[in-house]
Amino acid sequence: MAWRGQLSKNLKELRILLCQTSPSSAPARAFVEKNYKELKTLNPKFPILIRECSGVEPQLWARYDMGIERVARLEGLSEAQILKALEDLVKVGAS
């Protein structure tokens, strides 16, 4: 998964929005718990922002050059699908 090391080259910022308690955010919380450390280790100066807000729909926001942003809605996705959504966002920035 070489793309994980490309976050800082292809994106300017990554934001993960989730609810601390809702069942719909459970896979997103698990994704953060399992993947944050590795992503941050591979991209130490890259801003990965975790935003927790009660009742919010889980989302993954990627900011690219020139302020362009894309969002991936995470509600109903498994951890593997969230990882794939992040990979897709990173690849968009490479093109």
Protein backbone atom coordinates (compact mmCIF):
# COMPACT_ATOMS: atom_id res chain seq x y z
CA MET A 1 0.00 0.00 0.00
CA ALA A 2 2.53 2.54 -1.20
CA TRP A 3 -0.20 5.13 -1.64
CA ARG A 4 -0.26 5.64 2.14
CA GLY A 5 3.10 7.39 1.94
CA GLN A 6 1.78 9.66 -0.83
CA LEU A 7 -0.70 11.57 1.34
CA SER A 8 1.59 14.54 1.81
CA LYS A 9 2.54 14.62 -1.88
CA ASN A 10 -0.99 14.41 -3.29
CA LEU A 11 -3.07 16.21 -0.64
CA LYS A 12 -2.75 19.37 1.42
CA GLU A 13 -4.96 18.24 4.30
CA LEU A 14 -7.14 15.32 5.37
CA ARG A 15 -10.14 15.78 7.67
CA ILE A 16 -12.13 12.94 9.20
CA LEU A 17 -15.51 13.91 10.65
CA LEU A 18 -17.27 11.48 12.97
CA CYS A 19 -19.57 11.16 15.96
CA GLN A 20 -18.12 9.86 19.22
CA THR A 21 -21.11 7.64 20.00
CA SER A 22 -23.30 6.93 16.96
CA PRO A 23 -23.36 3.43 15.46
CA SER A 24 -22.99 4.89 11.95
CA SER A 25 -19.59 6.32 12.93
CA ALA A 26 -18.32 3.09 14.56
CA PRO A 27 -16.40 1.90 11.47
CA ALA A 28 -14.87 5.38 11.04
CA ARG A 29 -13.76 5.40 14.70
CA ALA A 30 -12.24 1.93 14.27
CA PHE A 31 -10.51 3.08 11.08
CA VAL A 32 -8.92 6.02 12.92
CA GLU A 33 -7.83 3.82 15.83
CA LYS A 34 -6.18 1.28 13.52
CA ASN A 35 -4.71 3.52 10.81
CA TYR A 36 -3.93 6.97 12.23
CA LYS A 37 -0.56 6.05 13.72
CA GLU A 38 0.74 4.46 10.51
CA LEU A 39 -0.55 7.27 8.29
CA LYS A 40 1.02 9.88 10.57
CA THR A 41 4.32 7.96 10.76
CA LEU A 42 4.53 7.83 6.95
CA ASN A 43 3.50 11.50 6.63
CA PRO A 44 4.81 13.20 9.79
CA LYS A 45 4.24 16.83 8.74
CA PHE A 46 0.95 16.22 6.93
CA PRO A 47 -2.17 17.57 8.71
CA ILE A 48 -4.61 14.77 9.52
CA LEU A 49 -7.48 16.37 11.42
CA ILE A 50 -9.98 14.31 13.41
CA ARG A 51 -13.18 16.25 14.05
CA GLU A 52 -15.65 14.76 16.50
CA CYS A 53 -19.13 16.22 16.72
CA SER A 54 -22.26 14.73 18.22
CA GLY A 55 -24.66 13.44 15.58
CA VAL A 56 -22.50 14.24 12.55
CA GLU A 57 -22.50 11.94 9.51
CA PRO A 58 -19.08 10.27 9.12
CA GLN A 59 -17.13 11.88 6.27
CA LEU A 60 -13.65 12.01 4.83
CA TRP A 61 -12.57 15.38 3.37
CA ALA A 62 -9.47 15.80 1.22
CA ARG A 63 -8.08 19.23 0.37
CA TYR A 64 -5.88 19.54 -2.73
CA ASP A 65 -3.93 22.39 -4.33
CA MET A 66 -5.78 25.64 -5.01
CA GLY A 67 -8.29 24.94 -2.20
CA ILE A 68 -10.11 22.18 -4.12
CA GLU A 69 -11.88 19.77 -1.75
CA ARG A 70 -13.54 16.40 -2.22
CA VAL A 71 -15.65 14.48 0.24
CA ALA A 72 -16.33 10.78 0.73
CA ARG A 73 -19.42 9.91 2.75
CA LEU A 74 -18.59 7.05 5.11
CA GLU A 75 -22.00 6.14 6.52
CA GLY A 76 -22.69 2.43 5.96
CA LEU A 77 -19.11 1.67 4.89
CA SER A 78 -16.87 -0.94 6.50
CA GLU A 79 -13.30 -0.19 7.59
CA ALA A 80 -11.99 -1.76 4.37
CA GLN A 81 -14.32 0.40 2.29
CA ILE A 82 -13.19 3.52 4.20
CA LEU A 83 -9.58 2.61 3.43
CA LYS A 84 -10.50 2.24 -0.26
CA ALA A 85 -12.29 5.63 -0.20
CA LEU A 86 -9.13 7.24 1.22
CA GLU A 87 -6.98 5.52 -1.40
CA ASP A 88 -9.27 6.85 -4.14
CA LEU A 89 -9.02 10.39 -2.76
CA VAL A 90 -5.22 10.15 -2.67
CA LYS A 91 -5.10 8.88 -6.26
CA VAL A 92 -7.29 11.77 -7.45
CA GLY A 93 -4.61 14.14 -6.18
CA ALA A 94 -1.92 12.31 -8.13
CA SER A 95 -3.55 13.01 -11.48
